N, C-alpha and C. Protein backbone atom coordinates (compact mmCIF):
# COMPACT_ATOMS: atom_id res chain seq x y z
N MET A 1 -29.84 70.33 56.93
CA MET A 1 -29.09 71.53 56.21
C MET A 1 -30.48 70.50 54.71
N PRO A 2 -31.76 70.91 54.67
CA PRO A 2 -31.94 70.03 53.07
C PRO A 2 -31.00 70.51 52.01
N LYS A 3 -30.87 69.76 51.66
CA LYS A 3 -30.49 69.51 49.77
C LYS A 3 -31.63 70.90 48.75
N THR A 4 -30.49 72.26 48.19
CA THR A 4 -31.90 72.49 47.27
C THR A 4 -31.72 71.92 45.95
N THR A 5 -32.98 72.69 45.50
CA THR A 5 -33.36 71.66 44.32
C THR A 5 -33.18 72.50 43.28
N PRO A 6 -33.11 71.81 41.81
CA PRO A 6 -32.13 72.24 40.56
C PRO A 6 -32.83 74.04 40.35
N LEU A 7 -34.52 74.07 40.66
CA LEU A 7 -34.53 75.51 39.90
C LEU A 7 -34.09 76.83 41.27
N GLN A 8 -33.26 76.21 42.78
CA GLN A 8 -32.50 77.38 42.94
C GLN A 8 -31.51 76.97 42.73
N HIS A 9 -30.71 75.68 43.04
CA HIS A 9 -29.63 76.15 42.49
C HIS A 9 -29.35 76.72 40.41
N VAL A 10 -29.79 76.41 39.84
CA VAL A 10 -30.37 77.70 38.86
C VAL A 10 -30.02 78.87 39.05
N LYS A 11 -31.48 79.65 40.07
CA LYS A 11 -31.57 80.91 40.24
C LYS A 11 -29.94 81.34 40.69
N LYS A 12 -30.09 80.15 41.83
CA LYS A 12 -28.74 81.21 43.09
C LYS A 12 -27.37 81.09 41.92
N LEU A 13 -27.33 80.95 40.80
CA LEU A 13 -26.15 80.60 40.06
C LEU A 13 -26.24 81.77 38.73
N PHE A 14 -27.25 81.33 38.27
CA PHE A 14 -28.09 81.52 37.19
C PHE A 14 -28.96 83.00 36.54
N GLY A 15 -29.64 83.66 37.68
CA GLY A 15 -30.66 84.32 37.87
C GLY A 15 -31.97 83.10 36.89
N SER A 16 -31.57 83.70 36.23
CA SER A 16 -32.95 82.18 35.65
C SER A 16 -32.76 81.73 34.41
N LYS A 17 -33.64 80.73 33.70
CA LYS A 17 -33.46 79.46 33.04
C LYS A 17 -33.66 80.87 31.73
N ASP A 18 -33.18 81.45 31.30
CA ASP A 18 -32.86 81.57 29.96
C ASP A 18 -31.55 82.08 30.24
N GLN A 19 -30.71 82.56 30.87
CA GLN A 19 -29.60 83.17 31.10
C GLN A 19 -28.80 81.40 31.33
N LEU A 20 -29.35 80.76 31.67
CA LEU A 20 -28.81 78.92 31.69
C LEU A 20 -28.45 78.92 30.00
N VAL A 21 -29.90 78.55 29.72
CA VAL A 21 -29.69 78.42 28.39
C VAL A 21 -28.92 79.14 27.49
N ALA A 22 -28.52 79.78 28.16
CA ALA A 22 -27.77 81.07 27.12
C ALA A 22 -26.23 80.39 26.86
N ARG A 23 -26.48 80.46 28.83
CA ARG A 23 -25.23 80.46 28.40
C ARG A 23 -24.40 78.54 28.08
N VAL A 24 -25.81 78.31 28.41
CA VAL A 24 -24.77 76.64 27.49
C VAL A 24 -25.16 76.61 26.04
N ALA A 25 -25.72 77.36 25.48
CA ALA A 25 -25.30 77.92 24.13
C ALA A 25 -24.10 78.28 23.49
N GLU A 26 -23.54 79.12 24.43
CA GLU A 26 -22.15 79.91 24.52
C GLU A 26 -21.42 78.85 24.73
N LEU A 27 -22.11 78.05 25.48
CA LEU A 27 -20.56 77.23 26.18
C LEU A 27 -20.82 75.26 24.49
N LEU A 28 -20.78 75.16 24.52
CA LEU A 28 -21.31 74.18 23.52
C LEU A 28 -21.69 74.79 21.80
N PRO A 29 -21.34 75.09 21.18
CA PRO A 29 -21.70 75.76 20.21
C PRO A 29 -21.64 74.49 18.45
N SER A 30 -21.09 73.87 18.92
CA SER A 30 -20.75 72.47 18.29
C SER A 30 -21.93 71.31 18.13
N SER A 31 -22.84 71.88 18.79
CA SER A 31 -24.64 71.26 19.15
C SER A 31 -24.93 71.53 17.69
N PHE A 32 -24.25 73.10 17.58
CA PHE A 32 -26.37 73.85 16.81
C PHE A 32 -25.56 72.81 15.39
N SER A 33 -25.29 71.18 14.93
CA SER A 33 -24.65 71.09 13.78
C SER A 33 -26.45 70.67 13.40
N GLY A 34 -26.77 71.20 12.26
CA GLY A 34 -28.44 71.10 11.05
C GLY A 34 -29.70 72.42 12.01
N GLU A 35 -28.70 73.20 12.38
CA GLU A 35 -29.96 74.02 13.04
C GLU A 35 -29.99 75.15 13.70
N SER A 36 -30.10 76.01 13.76
CA SER A 36 -29.82 77.07 13.71
C SER A 36 -30.11 77.38 15.01
N ALA A 37 -29.25 79.01 15.80
CA ALA A 37 -29.00 79.10 17.71
C ALA A 37 -30.40 79.18 17.95
N GLU A 38 -31.07 79.82 17.17
CA GLU A 38 -32.95 80.18 17.52
C GLU A 38 -33.30 78.37 18.68
N ASP A 39 -33.17 77.72 17.33
CA ASP A 39 -33.74 76.37 17.49
C ASP A 39 -33.02 75.78 18.25
N PHE A 40 -32.18 75.75 18.56
CA PHE A 40 -31.18 74.55 19.25
C PHE A 40 -31.44 75.58 21.10
N LYS A 41 -31.54 76.59 20.97
CA LYS A 41 -31.99 77.95 22.22
C LYS A 41 -33.99 77.21 22.28
N LYS A 42 -34.41 77.38 21.42
CA LYS A 42 -35.85 76.34 22.02
C LYS A 42 -35.99 75.29 22.87
N ARG A 43 -35.30 74.66 21.90
CA ARG A 43 -34.96 73.68 22.72
C ARG A 43 -34.69 73.08 23.78
N LEU A 44 -33.16 74.38 24.56
CA LEU A 44 -32.66 74.01 25.41
C LEU A 44 -34.09 74.77 26.54
N LYS A 45 -35.07 75.43 27.02
CA LYS A 45 -36.08 75.61 27.27
C LYS A 45 -36.84 74.14 27.48
N TYR A 46 -36.38 73.51 27.47
CA TYR A 46 -37.93 72.21 27.81
C TYR A 46 -37.02 71.02 28.31
N VAL A 47 -35.75 71.67 28.11
CA VAL A 47 -34.30 70.85 28.77
C VAL A 47 -34.71 70.96 30.21
N ALA A 48 -34.64 70.21 31.45
CA ALA A 48 -34.39 70.02 32.59
C ALA A 48 -33.54 70.88 32.80
N ASN A 49 -33.24 71.71 34.37
CA ASN A 49 -32.96 72.46 35.29
C ASN A 49 -31.61 71.60 35.18
N SER A 50 -31.59 70.48 35.72
CA SER A 50 -30.34 69.36 36.19
C SER A 50 -29.35 69.20 34.81
N LYS A 51 -29.90 68.64 34.02
CA LYS A 51 -29.60 68.75 32.92
C LYS A 51 -29.02 69.91 32.39
N LEU A 52 -29.13 71.01 31.88
CA LEU A 52 -28.52 72.13 31.17
C LEU A 52 -27.23 72.40 32.60
N ILE A 53 -27.57 72.50 33.21
CA ILE A 53 -26.04 72.43 34.47
C ILE A 53 -25.47 72.22 34.50
N ARG A 54 -25.89 70.70 34.04
CA ARG A 54 -24.59 69.50 33.98
C ARG A 54 -24.11 69.86 32.17
N LEU A 55 -25.04 70.23 31.80
CA LEU A 55 -24.03 70.80 29.69
C LEU A 55 -23.23 71.85 30.70
N VAL A 56 -23.06 72.92 31.21
CA VAL A 56 -22.66 73.89 32.15
C VAL A 56 -21.53 73.50 32.26
N GLU A 57 -21.47 72.35 32.82
CA GLU A 57 -20.20 71.60 34.05
C GLU A 57 -18.95 71.39 32.58
N ILE A 58 -19.83 70.75 31.87
CA ILE A 58 -19.10 70.01 30.57
C ILE A 58 -18.57 71.05 29.76
N GLY A 59 -19.13 72.07 29.54
CA GLY A 59 -18.88 73.28 28.88
C GLY A 59 -17.81 73.69 29.37
N GLU A 60 -17.64 74.07 30.71
CA GLU A 60 -16.81 74.63 31.64
C GLU A 60 -15.10 74.06 31.77
N GLN A 61 -15.15 72.23 31.15
CA GLN A 61 -14.58 71.72 31.43
C GLN A 61 -13.54 71.72 30.18
N ALA A 62 -14.44 71.78 28.99
CA ALA A 62 -14.01 71.81 27.58
C ALA A 62 -13.23 72.74 27.38
N LYS A 63 -13.40 73.35 28.08
CA LYS A 63 -12.81 74.52 27.61
C LYS A 63 -11.87 75.19 28.38
N LYS A 64 -11.88 74.73 29.94
CA LYS A 64 -10.78 74.16 30.85
C LYS A 64 -9.35 73.64 29.25
N LEU A 65 -10.32 71.99 28.78
CA LEU A 65 -9.70 71.80 28.34
C LEU A 65 -8.74 72.02 26.82
N GLY A 66 -9.09 73.21 26.51
CA GLY A 66 -8.82 73.51 25.26
C GLY A 66 -9.41 73.43 23.91
N GLY A 67 -11.16 73.50 24.75
CA GLY A 67 -11.70 72.57 23.16
C GLY A 67 -11.85 71.02 22.48
N VAL A 68 -12.46 71.14 21.52
CA VAL A 68 -12.87 70.04 21.21
C VAL A 68 -11.52 69.42 20.41
N GLN A 69 -11.02 69.44 19.57
CA GLN A 69 -10.04 68.86 18.68
C GLN A 69 -9.23 68.80 20.27
N ALA A 70 -8.11 69.93 21.42
CA ALA A 70 -7.75 69.15 22.10
C ALA A 70 -7.63 68.78 22.77
N ILE A 71 -9.14 68.20 22.44
CA ILE A 71 -9.72 66.77 24.06
C ILE A 71 -9.35 65.65 23.17
N VAL A 72 -9.60 65.99 21.82
CA VAL A 72 -9.63 64.94 21.03
C VAL A 72 -8.35 64.11 21.06
N ASP A 73 -7.19 64.98 21.08
CA ASP A 73 -5.90 65.12 20.92
C ASP A 73 -5.10 64.36 22.01
N LYS A 74 -5.99 64.20 22.91
CA LYS A 74 -5.89 64.28 24.58
C LYS A 74 -5.69 62.44 24.72
N ILE A 75 -7.08 61.75 24.06
CA ILE A 75 -7.25 61.07 24.27
C ILE A 75 -6.30 60.36 23.45
N ALA A 76 -6.49 60.60 22.17
CA ALA A 76 -5.91 59.95 21.48
C ALA A 76 -4.47 59.28 22.32
N GLU A 77 -3.46 60.63 22.36
CA GLU A 77 -1.99 60.50 23.24
C GLU A 77 -2.52 59.87 24.20
N LEU A 78 -2.90 59.81 25.53
CA LEU A 78 -3.13 59.18 26.39
C LEU A 78 -3.81 57.21 25.83
N LYS A 79 -4.36 57.30 24.33
CA LYS A 79 -4.31 55.88 24.96
C LYS A 79 -3.47 54.82 23.52
N GLY A 80 -1.98 56.18 23.35
CA GLY A 80 -1.29 55.12 22.51
C GLY A 80 -1.53 55.97 20.73
N GLN A 81 -2.19 57.01 20.73
CA GLN A 81 -2.66 56.13 19.27
C GLN A 81 -3.02 57.40 18.46
N ALA A 82 -1.50 58.94 19.36
CA ALA A 82 -2.01 59.72 18.93
C ALA A 82 -1.54 60.44 17.62
N LYS A 83 -0.59 59.79 16.86
CA LYS A 83 -0.26 59.79 14.96
C LYS A 83 -1.94 59.17 14.01
N ASP A 84 -2.58 57.91 14.13
CA ASP A 84 -3.89 57.54 13.74
C ASP A 84 -5.41 58.72 13.81
N LYS A 85 -4.63 59.42 12.18
CA LYS A 85 -6.07 60.22 12.34
C LYS A 85 -7.00 59.92 12.21
N ASP A 86 -6.99 58.56 11.59
CA ASP A 86 -8.54 57.59 11.73
C ASP A 86 -9.41 57.51 12.65
N PHE A 87 -8.94 57.64 14.01
CA PHE A 87 -9.08 57.29 15.36
C PHE A 87 -9.12 58.37 15.57
N LYS A 88 -8.35 59.40 15.02
CA LYS A 88 -9.18 61.10 16.08
C LYS A 88 -10.41 61.67 15.06
N ALA A 89 -10.68 61.62 13.88
CA ALA A 89 -11.92 61.40 12.97
C ALA A 89 -12.82 61.44 13.99
N ALA A 90 -13.01 59.75 14.01
CA ALA A 90 -13.79 58.74 14.87
C ALA A 90 -13.96 59.37 15.98
N LEU A 91 -13.00 59.91 16.84
CA LEU A 91 -13.34 60.37 17.47
C LEU A 91 -14.69 62.51 18.21
N ALA A 92 -13.55 62.45 16.47
CA ALA A 92 -14.45 63.94 16.66
C ALA A 92 -15.84 63.29 16.46
N LYS A 93 -16.93 62.25 16.40
CA LYS A 93 -17.31 62.54 15.94
C LYS A 93 -18.65 62.68 16.55
N PHE A 94 -18.12 62.11 18.06
CA PHE A 94 -18.48 62.01 18.94
C PHE A 94 -19.19 63.27 20.16
N SER A 95 -20.36 63.22 20.82
CA SER A 95 -20.79 64.68 21.83
C SER A 95 -19.73 64.87 22.84
N LEU A 96 -20.13 66.54 23.27
CA LEU A 96 -18.60 66.90 23.68
C LEU A 96 -18.72 66.39 24.99
N PRO A 97 -20.04 66.04 25.73
CA PRO A 97 -19.87 64.96 27.53
C PRO A 97 -19.43 64.05 27.28
N SER A 98 -20.01 62.53 25.68
CA SER A 98 -18.41 62.26 25.67
C SER A 98 -17.20 61.64 25.88
N LEU A 99 -16.66 63.05 25.10
CA LEU A 99 -15.95 63.41 24.95
C LEU A 99 -15.05 63.29 26.27
N VAL A 100 -15.29 64.48 27.43
CA VAL A 100 -15.36 64.99 28.59
C VAL A 100 -14.99 64.00 29.23
N ASP A 101 -16.19 63.05 29.26
CA ASP A 101 -15.95 61.28 30.09
C ASP A 101 -15.12 61.04 29.79
N LEU A 102 -14.66 60.62 28.68
CA LEU A 102 -13.33 59.71 28.17
C LEU A 102 -12.62 60.31 27.78
N HIS A 103 -12.23 61.89 28.62
CA HIS A 103 -11.08 62.02 28.69
C HIS A 103 -10.62 61.13 30.41
N GLN A 104 -11.81 61.99 30.85
CA GLN A 104 -11.40 61.69 32.72
C GLN A 104 -11.41 60.76 32.91
N SER A 105 -11.59 59.96 31.95
CA SER A 105 -11.18 58.67 32.70
C SER A 105 -9.92 57.70 32.69
N LEU A 106 -10.34 57.77 31.54
CA LEU A 106 -8.75 57.86 30.53
C LEU A 106 -7.80 58.35 31.16
N THR A 107 -7.67 59.74 31.84
CA THR A 107 -6.27 59.99 33.36
C THR A 107 -6.06 59.65 34.25
N ARG A 108 -7.18 59.17 35.07
CA ARG A 108 -7.47 58.49 36.76
C ARG A 108 -6.75 56.72 35.41
N LYS A 109 -7.03 56.45 34.64
CA LYS A 109 -5.82 54.99 34.58
C LYS A 109 -4.97 55.25 34.99
N ALA A 110 -4.51 56.55 33.94
CA ALA A 110 -2.88 56.39 33.84
C ALA A 110 -2.84 57.38 34.68
N LYS A 111 -3.48 57.69 36.04
CA LYS A 111 -2.50 58.45 36.91
C LYS A 111 -2.34 56.97 37.50
N LYS A 112 -3.61 55.90 37.79
CA LYS A 112 -3.37 54.77 38.34
C LYS A 112 -2.26 53.90 38.10
N ALA A 113 -1.93 54.10 37.24
CA ALA A 113 -0.81 52.63 36.08
C ALA A 113 0.71 52.39 37.02
N PRO A 114 1.29 54.26 37.46
CA PRO A 114 1.87 54.80 37.75
C PRO A 114 2.40 53.82 39.24
N ALA A 115 1.21 54.75 39.39
CA ALA A 115 1.01 53.79 40.88
C ALA A 115 0.88 51.94 41.30
N GLU A 116 1.03 51.61 40.55
CA GLU A 116 0.36 50.76 40.26
C GLU A 116 1.94 49.78 40.62
N ALA A 117 2.52 50.39 39.23
CA ALA A 117 3.71 50.08 39.18
C ALA A 117 5.20 50.11 40.71
N LYS A 118 4.25 51.20 41.42
CA LYS A 118 5.12 51.14 43.00
C LYS A 118 5.25 50.42 43.81
N GLN A 119 4.71 49.58 43.09
CA GLN A 119 3.97 49.26 44.74
C GLN A 119 5.17 47.77 44.65
N PRO A 120 5.58 46.97 46.05
CA PRO A 120 6.51 46.10 45.90
C PRO A 120 6.11 44.61 45.98
N GLU A 121 7.68 44.22 44.31
CA GLU A 121 6.76 43.08 44.32
C GLU A 121 6.46 42.14 45.28
N ALA A 122 7.33 41.60 46.55
CA ALA A 122 6.25 41.12 48.19
C ALA A 122 4.11 41.15 47.38
N LYS A 123 4.31 42.01 47.52
CA LYS A 123 2.94 42.83 47.87
C LYS A 123 2.08 41.91 46.72
N LYS A 124 2.41 41.62 46.28
CA LYS A 124 1.89 41.26 44.76
C LYS A 124 1.47 40.15 44.87
N PRO A 125 -0.36 40.43 44.68
CA PRO A 125 -0.49 37.67 45.04
C PRO A 125 0.16 37.66 43.68
N GLU A 126 0.25 37.40 42.13
CA GLU A 126 0.40 38.08 41.16
C GLU A 126 2.65 36.17 41.99
N ALA A 127 3.02 37.67 42.08
CA ALA A 127 4.11 37.48 42.15
C ALA A 127 5.57 35.95 43.58
N LYS A 128 3.48 36.39 44.25
CA LYS A 128 3.74 34.99 45.28
C LYS A 128 3.59 33.83 44.43
N LYS A 129 2.46 34.12 44.14
CA LYS A 129 2.08 32.42 43.19
C LYS A 129 3.46 31.49 42.34
N THR A 130 4.19 32.65 41.46
CA THR A 130 4.72 32.64 40.91
C THR A 130 5.74 31.78 41.63
N GLU A 131 6.25 31.98 42.46
CA GLU A 131 7.29 31.71 43.40
C GLU A 131 7.11 31.13 43.99
N LYS A 132 5.96 30.30 43.90
CA LYS A 132 5.74 29.07 44.82
C LYS A 132 5.90 27.72 43.51
N LYS A 133 5.14 28.05 42.47
CA LYS A 133 5.02 26.70 41.67
C LYS A 133 7.11 26.85 41.28
N ALA A 134 7.17 27.83 41.26
CA ALA A 134 8.72 27.40 40.57
C ALA A 134 10.02 26.94 41.85
N GLU A 135 9.07 27.06 43.45
CA GLU A 135 9.37 26.00 43.61
C GLU A 135 9.40 24.92 44.74
N LYS A 136 7.70 24.63 43.91
CA LYS A 136 7.88 23.28 43.72
C LYS A 136 7.80 22.62 42.57
N LYS A 137 8.05 23.00 41.30
CA LYS A 137 9.71 22.50 40.13
C LYS A 137 10.94 21.83 41.22
N LYS A 138 11.42 22.63 41.37
CA LYS A 138 12.67 22.41 41.99
C LYS A 138 12.36 20.84 42.70
N ALA A 139 11.78 20.69 43.59
CA ALA A 139 12.11 19.57 44.70
C ALA A 139 11.59 18.66 43.91
């Protein structure tokens, strides 16, 4: 089965590029910094279809997570800096795609850490090395 092109994907999901641009503009209102909505939409018309599709996916993920401020709070919590206001202010300046990617990577890392902690001591190579060194010192 042949792979669909980004244009085919746009036509299948959104109907036309204009509707896709409108969807991106709706999902990424924080991107309007310093420019009007019309200028932003004009600029988006010249962006590649594949990038616009990715921006829609990111916007939907951000909407699921609760918006920019909620993502910033979750990232700060995952990093262990939930009370650090300066850190949160710096994170708020990041672009939405950067925030979503950072949140995903930290969430994966947080899920991975408990799994590694559950491994038995015998399987960890570091534990075996320290045991061998301790035995050599005793002898």
